[in-house]
């Protein structure tokens, strides 16, 4: 399901490690306060990875409620950027590469006017 999802207007990944014990409210709070992004953006996917890089959580506001996604790969690991506590916006192609276990962030351009890094 996640690999065939192209309905997202924007995709953000939380660089670094996130406590995946957090549920919907905890992850939405993290989006709002740590990354200073609006968690109530419709069709925007926020992705989080914990200490173990074989599982990720996703959070999507659908307009009438949140959808919490969880994926654990049976073999392999996600190539998750661990160098920052910021959120990075990625493209649909980078998102698909991430799900395939490939590197998605190599040399990001940092915008000083917002709290996320936009990957070109």
PDB file of N, CA and C in Angstrom:
ATOM      1  N   UNK A   1       0.812  -1.192   0.000  1.00  0.00           N
ATOM      2  CA  UNK A   1       0.000   0.000   0.000  1.00  0.00           C
ATOM      3  C   UNK A   1       0.858   1.259   0.000  1.00  0.00           C
ATOM      4  N   UNK A   2       1.863   1.316   0.872  1.00  0.00           N
ATOM      5  CA  UNK A   2       2.684   2.520   0.948  1.00  0.00           C
ATOM      6  C   UNK A   2       3.469   2.769  -0.333  1.00  0.00           C
ATOM      7  N   UNK A   3       3.910   1.735  -1.008  1.00  0.00           N
ATOM      8  CA  UNK A   3       4.694   1.920  -2.222  1.00  0.00           C
ATOM      9  C   UNK A   3       3.842   2.411  -3.385  1.00  0.00           C
ATOM     10  N   UNK A   4       2.559   2.181  -3.341  1.00  0.00           N
ATOM     11  CA  UNK A   4       1.677   2.600  -4.419  1.00  0.00           C
ATOM     12  C   UNK A   4       0.983   3.926  -4.106  1.00  0.00           C
ATOM     13  N   UNK A   5       1.343   4.551  -3.001  1.00  0.00           N
ATOM     14  CA  UNK A   5       0.696   5.795  -2.592  1.00  0.00           C
ATOM     15  C   UNK A   5       1.337   6.973  -3.299  1.00  0.00           C
ATOM     16  N   UNK A   6       0.573   7.607  -4.177  1.00  0.00           N
ATOM     17  CA  UNK A   6       1.058   8.821  -4.838  1.00  0.00           C
ATOM     18  C   UNK A   6       0.070   9.955  -4.624  1.00  0.00           C
ATOM     19  N   UNK A   7      -0.754   9.834  -3.594  1.00  0.00           N
ATOM     20  CA  UNK A   7      -1.768  10.843  -3.321  1.00  0.00           C
ATOM     21  C   UNK A   7      -1.283  11.918  -2.360  1.00  0.00           C
ATOM     22  N   UNK A   8      -0.051  11.811  -1.887  1.00  0.00           N
ATOM     23  CA  UNK A   8       0.450  12.781  -0.922  1.00  0.00           C
ATOM     24  C   UNK A   8       0.929  14.042  -1.628  1.00  0.00           C
ATOM     25  N   UNK A   9       0.477  15.201  -1.131  1.00  0.00           N
ATOM     26  CA  UNK A   9       0.907  16.474  -1.697  1.00  0.00           C
ATOM     27  C   UNK A   9       2.342  16.792  -1.278  1.00  0.00           C
ATOM     28  N   UNK A  10       2.680  16.467  -0.041  1.00  0.00           N
ATOM     29  CA  UNK A  10       4.027  16.672   0.487  1.00  0.00           C
ATOM     30  C   UNK A  10       4.377  15.481   1.361  1.00  0.00           C
ATOM     31  N   UNK A  11       5.676  15.211   1.436  1.00  0.00           N
ATOM     32  CA  UNK A  11       6.166  14.133   2.297  1.00  0.00           C
ATOM     33  C   UNK A  11       7.329  14.696   3.095  1.00  0.00           C
ATOM     34  N   UNK A  12       7.257  14.572   4.420  1.00  0.00           N
ATOM     35  CA  UNK A  12       8.324  15.009   5.304  1.00  0.00           C
ATOM     36  C   UNK A  12       8.863  13.799   6.054  1.00  0.00           C
ATOM     37  N   UNK A  13      10.167  13.755   6.241  1.00  0.00           N
ATOM     38  CA  UNK A  13      10.744  12.739   7.109  1.00  0.00           C
ATOM     39  C   UNK A  13      11.389  13.435   8.293  1.00  0.00           C
ATOM     40  N   UNK A  14      11.215  12.847   9.460  1.00  0.00           N
ATOM     41  CA  UNK A  14      11.838  13.361  10.675  1.00  0.00           C
ATOM     42  C   UNK A  14      13.243  12.767  10.732  1.00  0.00           C
ATOM     43  N   UNK A  15      14.237  13.565  10.374  1.00  0.00           N
ATOM     44  CA  UNK A  15      15.624  13.089  10.409  1.00  0.00           C
ATOM     45  C   UNK A  15      15.990  12.768  11.856  1.00  0.00           C
ATOM     46  N   UNK A  16      16.919  11.880  12.030  1.00  0.00           N
ATOM     47  CA  UNK A  16      17.291  11.469  13.371  1.00  0.00           C
ATOM     48  C   UNK A  16      16.395  10.342  13.852  1.00  0.00           C
ATOM     49  N   UNK A  17      16.371  10.155  15.158  1.00  0.00           N
ATOM     50  CA  UNK A  17      15.606   9.055  15.760  1.00  0.00           C
ATOM     51  C   UNK A  17      14.385   9.591  16.474  1.00  0.00           C
ATOM     52  N   UNK A  18      13.278   8.872  16.325  1.00  0.00           N
ATOM     53  CA  UNK A  18      12.025   9.215  16.987  1.00  0.00           C
ATOM     54  C   UNK A  18      11.608   8.041  17.850  1.00  0.00           C
ATOM     55  N   UNK A  19      11.075   8.323  19.013  1.00  0.00           N
ATOM     56  CA  UNK A  19      10.547   7.283  19.882  1.00  0.00           C
ATOM     57  C   UNK A  19       9.260   6.750  19.261  1.00  0.00           C
ATOM     58  N   UNK A  20       9.316   5.562  18.690  1.00  0.00           N
ATOM     59  CA  UNK A  20       8.155   4.998  17.995  1.00  0.00           C
ATOM     60  C   UNK A  20       7.087   4.466  18.940  1.00  0.00           C
ATOM     61  N   UNK A  21       7.303   4.604  20.244  1.00  0.00           N
ATOM     62  CA  UNK A  21       6.238   4.260  21.188  1.00  0.00           C
ATOM     63  C   UNK A  21       5.156   5.335  21.167  1.00  0.00           C
ATOM     64  N   UNK A  22       5.479   6.494  20.597  1.00  0.00           N
ATOM     65  CA  UNK A  22       4.500   7.575  20.497  1.00  0.00           C
ATOM     66  C   UNK A  22       3.370   7.156  19.567  1.00  0.00           C
ATOM     67  N   UNK A  23       2.190   7.578  19.924  1.00  0.00           N
ATOM     68  CA  UNK A  23       1.021   7.326  19.099  1.00  0.00           C
ATOM     69  C   UNK A  23       0.690   8.549  18.259  1.00  0.00           C
ATOM     70  N   UNK A  24      -0.539   8.636  17.823  1.00  0.00           N
ATOM     71  CA  UNK A  24      -0.982   9.723  16.957  1.00  0.00           C
ATOM     72  C   UNK A  24      -0.773  11.080  17.619  1.00  0.00           C
ATOM     73  N   UNK A  25      -1.235  11.234  18.853  1.00  0.00           N
ATOM     74  CA  UNK A  25      -1.143  12.527  19.521  1.00  0.00           C
ATOM     75  C   UNK A  25       0.310  12.944  19.747  1.00  0.00           C
ATOM     76  N   UNK A  26       1.154  12.002  20.154  1.00  0.00           N
ATOM     77  CA  UNK A  26       2.561  12.312  20.396  1.00  0.00           C
ATOM     78  C   UNK A  26       3.298  12.697  19.124  1.00  0.00           C
ATOM     79  N   UNK A  27       3.015  12.009  18.031  1.00  0.00           N
ATOM     80  CA  UNK A  27       3.670  12.336  16.763  1.00  0.00           C
ATOM     81  C   UNK A  27       3.166  13.661  16.207  1.00  0.00           C
ATOM     82  N   UNK A  28       1.866  13.936  16.337  1.00  0.00           N
ATOM     83  CA  UNK A  28       1.320  15.218  15.880  1.00  0.00           C
ATOM     84  C   UNK A  28       1.916  16.366  16.690  1.00  0.00           C
ATOM     85  N   UNK A  29       2.093  16.155  17.978  1.00  0.00           N
ATOM     86  CA  UNK A  29       2.714  17.160  18.844  1.00  0.00           C
ATOM     87  C   UNK A  29       4.161  17.413  18.437  1.00  0.00           C
ATOM     88  N   UNK A  30       4.865  16.370  18.078  1.00  0.00           N
ATOM     89  CA  UNK A  30       6.244  16.483  17.604  1.00  0.00           C
ATOM     90  C   UNK A  30       6.314  17.294  16.316  1.00  0.00           C
ATOM     91  N   UNK A  31       5.408  17.032  15.393  1.00  0.00           N
ATOM     92  CA  UNK A  31       5.354  17.778  14.133  1.00  0.00           C
ATOM     93  C   UNK A  31       5.129  19.262  14.408  1.00  0.00           C
ATOM     94  N   UNK A  32       4.201  19.541  15.291  1.00  0.00           N
ATOM     95  CA  UNK A  32       3.835  20.934  15.558  1.00  0.00           C
ATOM     96  C   UNK A  32       4.904  21.692  16.332  1.00  0.00           C
ATOM     97  N   UNK A  33       5.409  21.115  17.402  1.00  0.00           N
ATOM     98  CA  UNK A  33       6.290  21.869  18.294  1.00  0.00           C
ATOM     99  C   UNK A  33       7.775  21.747  17.964  1.00  0.00           C
ATOM    100  N   UNK A  34       8.241  20.568  17.616  1.00  0.00           N
ATOM    101  CA  UNK A  34       9.665  20.424  17.316  1.00  0.00           C
ATOM    102  C   UNK A  34       9.993  20.908  15.903  1.00  0.00           C
ATOM    103  N   UNK A  35       9.159  20.559  14.929  1.00  0.00           N
ATOM    104  CA  UNK A  35       9.449  20.916  13.537  1.00  0.00           C
ATOM    105  C   UNK A  35       8.734  22.190  13.097  1.00  0.00           C
ATOM    106  N   UNK A  36       7.803  22.670  13.917  1.00  0.00           N
ATOM    107  CA  UNK A  36       7.024  23.872  13.634  1.00  0.00           C
ATOM    108  C   UNK A  36       6.329  23.787  12.276  1.00  0.00           C
ATOM    109  N   UNK A  37       5.719  22.628  12.049  1.00  0.00           N
ATOM    110  CA  UNK A  37       4.902  22.399  10.862  1.00  0.00           C
ATOM    111  C   UNK A  37       3.476  22.126  11.321  1.00  0.00           C
ATOM    112  N   UNK A  38       2.532  22.278  10.432  1.00  0.00           N
ATOM    113  CA  UNK A  38       1.133  22.080  10.762  1.00  0.00           C
ATOM    114  C   UNK A  38       0.738  20.614  10.559  1.00  0.00           C
ATOM    115  N   UNK A  39       0.414  19.888  11.636  1.00  0.00           N
ATOM    116  CA  UNK A  39       0.056  18.474  11.478  1.00  0.00           C
ATOM    117  C   UNK A  39      -1.315  18.261  10.849  1.00  0.00           C
ATOM    118  N   UNK A  40      -2.131  19.317  10.754  1.00  0.00           N
ATOM    119  CA  UNK A  40      -3.468  19.197  10.177  1.00  0.00           C
ATOM    120  C   UNK A  40      -3.495  19.556   8.701  1.00  0.00           C
ATOM    121  N   UNK A  41      -2.416  19.342   7.990  1.00  0.00           N
ATOM    122  CA  UNK A  41      -2.394  19.539   6.538  1.00  0.00           C
ATOM    123  C   UNK A  41      -2.935  18.264   5.885  1.00  0.00           C
ATOM    124  N   UNK A  42      -3.959  18.400   5.092  1.00  0.00           N
ATOM    125  CA  UNK A  42      -4.570  17.235   4.469  1.00  0.00           C
ATOM    126  C   UNK A  42      -3.637  16.654   3.403  1.00  0.00           C
ATOM    127  N   UNK A  43      -3.550  15.325   3.365  1.00  0.00           N
ATOM    128  CA  UNK A  43      -2.757  14.568   2.389  1.00  0.00           C
ATOM    129  C   UNK A  43      -1.270  14.888   2.450  1.00  0.00           C
ATOM    130  N   UNK A  44      -0.771  15.191   3.635  1.00  0.00           N
ATOM    131  CA  UNK A  44       0.661  15.389   3.863  1.00  0.00           C
ATOM    132  C   UNK A  44       1.129  14.250   4.759  1.00  0.00           C
ATOM    133  N   UNK A  45       2.162  13.543   4.324  1.00  0.00           N
ATOM    134  CA  UNK A  45       2.679  12.396   5.050  1.00  0.00           C
ATOM    135  C   UNK A  45       3.901  12.802   5.848  1.00  0.00           C
ATOM    136  N   UNK A  46       3.881  12.497   7.145  1.00  0.00           N
ATOM    137  CA  UNK A  46       5.028  12.693   8.022  1.00  0.00           C
ATOM    138  C   UNK A  46       5.559  11.307   8.385  1.00  0.00           C
ATOM    139  N   UNK A  47       6.838  11.063   8.136  1.00  0.00           N
ATOM    140  CA  UNK A  47       7.447   9.755   8.403  1.00  0.00           C
ATOM    141  C   UNK A  47       8.451   9.854   9.542  1.00  0.00           C
ATOM    142  N   UNK A  48       8.495   8.810  10.375  1.00  0.00           N
ATOM    143  CA  UNK A  48       9.359   8.760  11.540  1.00  0.00           C
ATOM    144  C   UNK A  48      10.044   7.404  11.597  1.00  0.00           C
ATOM    145  N   UNK A  49      11.283   7.396  12.083  1.00  0.00           N
ATOM    146  CA  UNK A  49      12.038   6.154  12.227  1.00  0.00           C
ATOM    147  C   UNK A  49      12.641   6.126  13.629  1.00  0.00           C
ATOM    148  N   UNK A  50      12.615   4.972  14.254  1.00  0.00           N
ATOM    149  CA  UNK A  50      13.159   4.831  15.602  1.00  0.00           C
ATOM    150  C   UNK A  50      14.627   4.436  15.584  1.00  0.00           C
ATOM    151  N   UNK A  51      15.084   3.927  16.697  1.00  0.00           N
ATOM    152  CA  UNK A  51      16.470   3.491  16.824  1.00  0.00           C
ATOM    153  C   UNK A  51      16.771   2.348  15.866  1.00  0.00           C
ATOM    154  N   UNK A  52      15.853   1.404  15.793  1.00  0.00           N
ATOM    155  CA  UNK A  52      16.008   0.298  14.847  1.00  0.00           C
ATOM    156  C   UNK A  52      15.491   0.783  13.503  1.00  0.00           C
ATOM    157  N   UNK A  53      16.300   0.714  12.499  1.00  0.00           N
ATOM    158  CA  UNK A  53      15.906   1.272  11.201  1.00  0.00           C
ATOM    159  C   UNK A  53      15.193   0.261  10.308  1.00  0.00           C
ATOM    160  N   UNK A  54      14.581  -0.750  10.909  1.00  0.00           N
ATOM    161  CA  UNK A  54      13.805  -1.705  10.118  1.00  0.00           C
ATOM    162  C   UNK A  54      12.309  -1.421  10.198  1.00  0.00           C
ATOM    163  N   UNK A  55      11.936  -0.310  10.852  1.00  0.00           N
ATOM    164  CA  UNK A  55      10.516   0.033  10.982  1.00  0.00           C
ATOM    165  C   UNK A  55      10.336   1.546  10.964  1.00  0.00           C
ATOM    166  N   UNK A  56       9.215   1.955  10.386  1.00  0.00           N
ATOM    167  CA  UNK A  56       8.879   3.372  10.327  1.00  0.00           C
ATOM    168  C   UNK A  56       7.400   3.556  10.662  1.00  0.00           C
ATOM    169  N   UNK A  57       7.062   4.764  11.093  1.00  0.00           N
ATOM    170  CA  UNK A  57       5.670   5.148  11.304  1.00  0.00           C
ATOM    171  C   UNK A  57       5.379   6.339  10.415  1.00  0.00           C
ATOM    172  N   UNK A  58       4.151   6.404   9.950  1.00  0.00           N
ATOM    173  CA  UNK A  58       3.697   7.528   9.156  1.00  0.00           C
ATOM    174  C   UNK A  58       2.424   8.108   9.742  1.00  0.00           C
ATOM    175  N   UNK A  59       2.267   9.421   9.597  1.00  0.00           N
ATOM    176  CA  UNK A  59       1.105  10.109  10.112  1.00  0.00           C
ATOM    177  C   UNK A  59       0.519  10.967   9.006  1.00  0.00           C
ATOM    178  N   UNK A  60      -0.781  10.807   8.752  1.00  0.00           N
ATOM    179  CA  UNK A  60      -1.470  11.557   7.699  1.00  0.00           C
ATOM    180  C   UNK A  60      -2.791  12.078   8.255  1.00  0.00           C
ATOM    181  N   UNK A  61      -3.057  13.368   8.054  1.00  0.00           N
ATOM    182  CA  UNK A  61      -4.366  13.940   8.385  1.00  0.00           C
ATOM    183  C   UNK A  61      -5.244  13.806   7.152  1.00  0.00           C
ATOM    184  N   UNK A  62      -6.396  13.144   7.276  1.00  0.00           N
ATOM    185  CA  UNK A  62      -7.265  12.899   6.137  1.00  0.00           C
ATOM    186  C   UNK A  62      -8.437  13.874   6.059  1.00  0.00           C
ATOM    187  N   UNK A  63      -8.446  14.869   6.900  1.00  0.00           N
ATOM    188  CA  UNK A  63      -9.529  15.840   6.892  1.00  0.00           C
ATOM    189  C   UNK A  63     -10.538  15.608   7.995  1.00  0.00           C
ATOM    190  N   UNK A  64     -10.798  14.336   8.310  1.00  0.00           N
ATOM    191  CA  UNK A  64     -11.744  14.018   9.374  1.00  0.00           C
ATOM    192  C   UNK A  64     -11.090  13.215  10.495  1.00  0.00           C
ATOM    193  N   UNK A  65      -9.793  12.989  10.379  1.00  0.00           N
ATOM    194  CA  UNK A  65      -9.063  12.242  11.400  1.00  0.00           C
ATOM    195  C   UNK A  65      -7.693  11.839  10.888  1.00  0.00           C
ATOM    196  N   UNK A  66      -6.880  11.332  11.802  1.00  0.00           N
ATOM    197  CA  UNK A  66      -5.532  10.897  11.455  1.00  0.00           C
ATOM    198  C   UNK A  66      -5.514   9.437  11.018  1.00  0.00           C
ATOM    199  N   UNK A  67      -4.591   9.133  10.147  1.00  0.00           N
ATOM    200  CA  UNK A  67      -4.277   7.762   9.765  1.00  0.00           C
ATOM    201  C   UNK A  67      -2.852   7.512  10.239  1.00  0.00           C
ATOM    202  N   UNK A  68      -2.656   6.476  11.046  1.00  0.00           N
ATOM    203  CA  UNK A  68      -1.334   6.108  11.539  1.00  0.00           C
ATOM    204  C   UNK A  68      -0.873   4.876  10.775  1.00  0.00           C
ATOM    205  N   UNK A  69       0.259   4.989  10.113  1.00  0.00           N
ATOM    206  CA  UNK A  69       0.811   3.894   9.316  1.00  0.00           C
ATOM    207  C   UNK A  69       2.028   3.320  10.028  1.00  0.00           C
ATOM    208  N   UNK A  70       2.241   2.037   9.896  1.00  0.00           N
ATOM    209  CA  UNK A  70       3.393   1.377  10.505  1.00  0.00           C
ATOM    210  C   UNK A  70       3.909   0.347   9.523  1.00  0.00           C
ATOM    211  N   UNK A  71       5.196   0.391   9.262  1.00  0.00           N
ATOM    212  CA  UNK A  71       5.779  -0.599   8.355  1.00  0.00           C
ATOM    213  C   UNK A  71       7.056  -1.138   8.985  1.00  0.00           C
ATOM    214  N   UNK A  72       7.170  -2.464   8.992  1.00  0.00           N
ATOM    215  CA  UNK A  72       8.390  -3.138   9.433  1.00  0.00           C
ATOM    216  C   UNK A  72       8.820  -4.063   8.309  1.00  0.00           C
ATOM    217  N   UNK A  73      10.039  -3.875   7.840  1.00  0.00           N
ATOM    218  CA  UNK A  73      10.522  -4.719   6.752  1.00  0.00           C
ATOM    219  C   UNK A  73      11.031  -6.036   7.333  1.00  0.00           C
ATOM    220  N   UNK A  74      10.804  -7.101   6.601  1.00  0.00           N
ATOM    221  CA  UNK A  74      11.197  -8.425   7.046  1.00  0.00           C
ATOM    222  C   UNK A  74      12.705  -8.633   6.906  1.00  0.00           C
ATOM    223  N   UNK A  75      13.277  -8.046   5.876  1.00  0.00           N
ATOM    224  CA  UNK A  75      14.704  -8.221   5.626  1.00  0.00           C
ATOM    225  C   UNK A  75      15.282  -6.881   5.184  1.00  0.00           C
ATOM    226  N   UNK A  76      16.314  -6.424   5.830  1.00  0.00           N
ATOM    227  CA  UNK A  76      16.938  -5.168   5.463  1.00  0.00           C
ATOM    228  C   UNK A  76      16.570  -4.040   6.402  1.00  0.00           C
ATOM    229  N   UNK A  77      16.989  -2.853   6.015  1.00  0.00           N
ATOM    230  CA  UNK A  77      16.759  -1.664   6.831  1.00  0.00           C
ATOM    231  C   UNK A  77      16.495  -0.459   5.938  1.00  0.00           C
ATOM    232  N   UNK A  78      15.836   0.547   6.514  1.00  0.00           N
ATOM    233  CA  UNK A  78      15.650   1.810   5.822  1.00  0.00           C
ATOM    234  C   UNK A  78      16.933   2.625   5.957  1.00  0.00           C
ATOM    235  N   UNK A  79      17.330   3.304   4.893  1.00  0.00           N
ATOM    236  CA  UNK A  79      18.501   4.184   4.930  1.00  0.00           C
ATOM    237  C   UNK A  79      18.023   5.551   5.408  1.00  0.00           C
ATOM    238  N   UNK A  80      17.946   5.715   6.718  1.00  0.00           N
ATOM    239  CA  UNK A  80      17.341   6.893   7.317  1.00  0.00           C
ATOM    240  C   UNK A  80      18.410   7.915   7.682  1.00  0.00           C
ATOM    241  N   UNK A  81      18.210   9.189   7.330  1.00  0.00           N
ATOM    242  CA  UNK A  81      19.186  10.223   7.711  1.00  0.00           C
ATOM    243  C   UNK A  81      19.186  10.422   9.227  1.00  0.00           C
ATOM    244  N   UNK A  82      20.334  10.273   9.847  1.00  0.00           N
ATOM    245  CA  UNK A  82      20.436  10.322  11.309  1.00  0.00           C
ATOM    246  C   UNK A  82      21.162  11.560  11.822  1.00  0.00           C
ATOM    247  N   UNK A  83      21.437  12.514  10.949  1.00  0.00           N
ATOM    248  CA  UNK A  83      22.320  13.609  11.325  1.00  0.00           C
ATOM    249  C   UNK A  83      21.617  14.841  11.874  1.00  0.00           C
ATOM    250  N   UNK A  84      20.319  14.842  12.034  1.00  0.00           N
ATOM    251  CA  UNK A  84      19.643  16.066  12.432  1.00  0.00           C
ATOM    252  C   UNK A  84      18.351  15.755  13.170  1.00  0.00           C
ATOM    253  N   UNK A  85      17.860  16.751  13.889  1.00  0.00           N
ATOM    254  CA  UNK A  85      16.567  16.619  14.555  1.00  0.00           C
ATOM    255  C   UNK A  85      15.528  17.483  13.852  1.00  0.00           C
ATOM    256  N   UNK A  86      15.733  17.756  12.581  1.00  0.00           N
ATOM    257  CA  UNK A  86      14.810  18.565  11.800  1.00  0.00           C
ATOM    258  C   UNK A  86      13.991  17.661  10.882  1.00  0.00           C
ATOM    259  N   UNK A  87      13.018  18.261  10.239  1.00  0.00           N
ATOM    260  CA  UNK A  87      12.229  17.545   9.246  1.00  0.00           C
ATOM    261  C   UNK A  87      12.722  17.942   7.867  1.00  0.00           C
ATOM    262  N   UNK A  88      12.766  16.995   6.952  1.00  0.00           N
ATOM    263  CA  UNK A  88      13.195  17.256   5.581  1.00  0.00           C
ATOM    264  C   UNK A  88      12.052  16.900   4.649  1.00  0.00           C
ATOM    265  N   UNK A  89      11.777  17.780   3.707  1.00  0.00           N
ATOM    266  CA  UNK A  89      10.752  17.488   2.709  1.00  0.00           C
ATOM    267  C   UNK A  89      11.411  16.704   1.590  1.00  0.00           C
ATOM    268  N   UNK A  90      10.773  15.611   1.180  1.00  0.00           N
ATOM    269  CA  UNK A  90      11.310  14.795   0.104  1.00  0.00           C
ATOM    270  C   UNK A  90      10.277  14.684  -1.014  1.00  0.00           C
ATOM    271  N   UNK A  91      10.753  14.321  -2.187  1.00  0.00           N
ATOM    272  CA  UNK A  91       9.871  14.162  -3.341  1.00  0.00           C
ATOM    273  C   UNK A  91       9.244  12.767  -3.334  1.00  0.00           C
ATOM    274  N   UNK A  92       8.278  12.559  -4.212  1.00  0.00           N
ATOM    275  CA  UNK A  92       7.650  11.239  -4.353  1.00  0.00           C
ATOM    276  C   UNK A  92       8.683  10.194  -4.776  1.00  0.00           C
ATOM    277  N   UNK A  93       9.607  10.579  -5.662  1.00  0.00           N
ATOM    278  CA  UNK A  93      10.643   9.647  -6.122  1.00  0.00           C
ATOM    279  C   UNK A  93      11.580   9.272  -4.977  1.00  0.00           C
ATOM    280  N   UNK A  94      11.956  10.245  -4.142  1.00  0.00           N
ATOM    281  CA  UNK A  94      12.811   9.957  -2.996  1.00  0.00           C
ATOM    282  C   UNK A  94      12.079   9.072  -1.994  1.00  0.00           C
ATOM    283  N   UNK A  95      10.798   9.278  -1.851  1.00  0.00           N
ATOM    284  CA  UNK A  95       9.979   8.458  -0.963  1.00  0.00           C
ATOM    285  C   UNK A  95       9.993   6.996  -1.427  1.00  0.00           C
ATOM    286  N   UNK A  96       9.820   6.781  -2.710  1.00  0.00           N
ATOM    287  CA  UNK A  96       9.853   5.414  -3.243  1.00  0.00           C
ATOM    288  C   UNK A  96      11.236   4.789  -3.075  1.00  0.00           C
ATOM    289  N   UNK A  97      12.280   5.597  -3.254  1.00  0.00           N
ATOM    290  CA  UNK A  97      13.651   5.100  -3.026  1.00  0.00           C
ATOM    291  C   UNK A  97      13.841   4.708  -1.569  1.00  0.00           C
ATOM    292  N   UNK A  98      13.288   5.505  -0.647  1.00  0.00           N
ATOM    293  CA  UNK A  98      13.390   5.196   0.777  1.00  0.00           C
ATOM    294  C   UNK A  98      12.747   3.850   1.073  1.00  0.00           C
ATOM    295  N   UNK A  99      11.564   3.604   0.504  1.00  0.00           N
ATOM    296  CA  UNK A  99      10.874   2.336   0.742  1.00  0.00           C
ATOM    297  C   UNK A  99      11.618   1.157   0.134  1.00  0.00           C
ATOM    298  N   UNK A 100      12.458   1.420  -0.862  1.00  0.00           N
ATOM    299  CA  UNK A 100      13.266   0.358  -1.461  1.00  0.00           C
ATOM    300  C   UNK A 100      14.571   0.133  -0.700  1.00  0.00           C
ATOM    301  N   UNK A 101      14.811   0.932   0.342  1.00  0.00           N
ATOM    302  CA  UNK A 101      16.024   0.784   1.139  1.00  0.00           C
ATOM    303  C   UNK A 101      17.206   1.578   0.610  1.00  0.00           C
ATOM    304  N   UNK A 102      16.949   2.549  -0.264  1.00  0.00           N
ATOM    305  CA  UNK A 102      18.027   3.342  -0.844  1.00  0.00           C
ATOM    306  C   UNK A 102      18.176   4.665  -0.111  1.00  0.00           C
ATOM    307  N   UNK A 103      19.335   5.281  -0.267  1.00  0.00           N
ATOM    308  CA  UNK A 103      19.619   6.587   0.329  1.00  0.00           C
ATOM    309  C   UNK A 103      18.744   7.645  -0.327  1.00  0.00           C
ATOM    310  N   UNK A 104      18.151   8.549   0.463  1.00  0.00           N
ATOM    311  CA  UNK A 104      17.302   9.583  -0.114  1.00  0.00           C
ATOM    312  C   UNK A 104      17.866  10.984   0.059  1.00  0.00           C
ATOM    313  N   UNK A 105      18.658  11.202   1.093  1.00  0.00           N
ATOM    314  CA  UNK A 105      19.201  12.533   1.334  1.00  0.00           C
ATOM    315  C   UNK A 105      20.717  12.467   1.235  1.00  0.00           C
ATOM    316  N   UNK A 106      21.236  13.185   0.240  1.00  0.00           N
ATOM    317  CA  UNK A 106      22.683  13.208   0.046  1.00  0.00           C
ATOM    318  C   UNK A 106      23.252  14.574   0.411  1.00  0.00           C
ATOM    319  N   UNK A 107      22.872  15.590  -0.332  1.00  0.00           N
ATOM    320  CA  UNK A 107      23.329  16.945  -0.038  1.00  0.00           C
ATOM    321  C   UNK A 107      22.138  17.887  -0.063  1.00  0.00           C
ATOM    322  N   UNK A 108      21.443  18.020   1.059  1.00  0.00           N
ATOM    323  CA  UNK A 108      20.253  18.861   1.087  1.00  0.00           C
ATOM    324  C   UNK A 108      20.595  20.343   1.089  1.00  0.00           C
ATOM    325  N   UNK A 109      19.712  21.127   0.516  1.00  0.00           N
ATOM    326  CA  UNK A 109      19.819  22.582   0.571  1.00  0.00           C
ATOM    327  C   UNK A 109      18.992  23.058   1.751  1.00  0.00           C
ATOM    328  N   UNK A 110      19.558  23.867   2.620  1.00  0.00           N
ATOM    329  CA  UNK A 110      18.874  24.319   3.816  1.00  0.00           C
ATOM    330  C   UNK A 110      18.294  25.702   3.571  1.00  0.00           C
ATOM    331  N   UNK A 111      17.004  25.827   3.809  1.00  0.00           N
ATOM    332  CA  UNK A 111      16.339  27.119   3.702  1.00  0.00           C
ATOM    333  C   UNK A 111      16.322  27.746   5.082  1.00  0.00           C
ATOM    334  N   UNK A 112      16.762  28.979   5.191  1.00  0.00           N
ATOM    335  CA  UNK A 112      16.856  29.620   6.487  1.00  0.00           C
ATOM    336  C   UNK A 112      15.539  30.184   6.981  1.00  0.00           C
ATOM    337  N   UNK A 113      14.544  30.354   6.103  1.00  0.00           N
ATOM    338  CA  UNK A 113      13.295  30.974   6.501  1.00  0.00           C
ATOM    339  C   UNK A 113      12.293  29.995   7.122  1.00  0.00           C
ATOM    340  N   UNK A 114      12.548  28.699   7.053  1.00  0.00           N
ATOM    341  CA  UNK A 114      11.654  27.706   7.644  1.00  0.00           C
ATOM    342  C   UNK A 114      12.474  26.686   8.400  1.00  0.00           C
ATOM    343  N   UNK A 115      11.792  25.844   9.183  1.00  0.00           N
ATOM    344  CA  UNK A 115      12.460  24.891  10.050  1.00  0.00           C
ATOM    345  C   UNK A 115      12.707  23.529   9.418  1.00  0.00           C
ATOM    346  N   UNK A 116      12.354  23.321   8.170  1.00  0.00           N
ATOM    347  CA  UNK A 116      12.600  22.037   7.529  1.00  0.00           C
ATOM    348  C   UNK A 116      13.624  22.213   6.431  1.00  0.00           C
ATOM    349  N   UNK A 117      14.231  21.106   6.048  1.00  0.00           N
ATOM    350  CA  UNK A 117      15.186  21.128   4.958  1.00  0.00           C
ATOM    351  C   UNK A 117      14.496  20.616   3.717  1.00  0.00           C
ATOM    352  N   UNK A 118      14.604  21.351   2.634  1.00  0.00           N
ATOM    353  CA  UNK A 118      13.999  20.951   1.382  1.00  0.00           C
ATOM    354  C   UNK A 118      15.070  20.259   0.549  1.00  0.00           C
ATOM    355  N   UNK A 119      14.815  19.044   0.152  1.00  0.00           N
ATOM    356  CA  UNK A 119      15.781  18.270  -0.605  1.00  0.00           C
ATOM    357  C   UNK A 119      15.514  18.462  -2.085  1.00  0.00           C
ATOM    358  N   UNK A 120      16.541  18.861  -2.803  1.00  0.00           N
ATOM    359  CA  UNK A 120      16.374  19.114  -4.242  1.00  0.00           C
ATOM    360  C   UNK A 120      16.505  17.877  -5.043  1.00  0.00           C
TER     361      UNK A 120
END
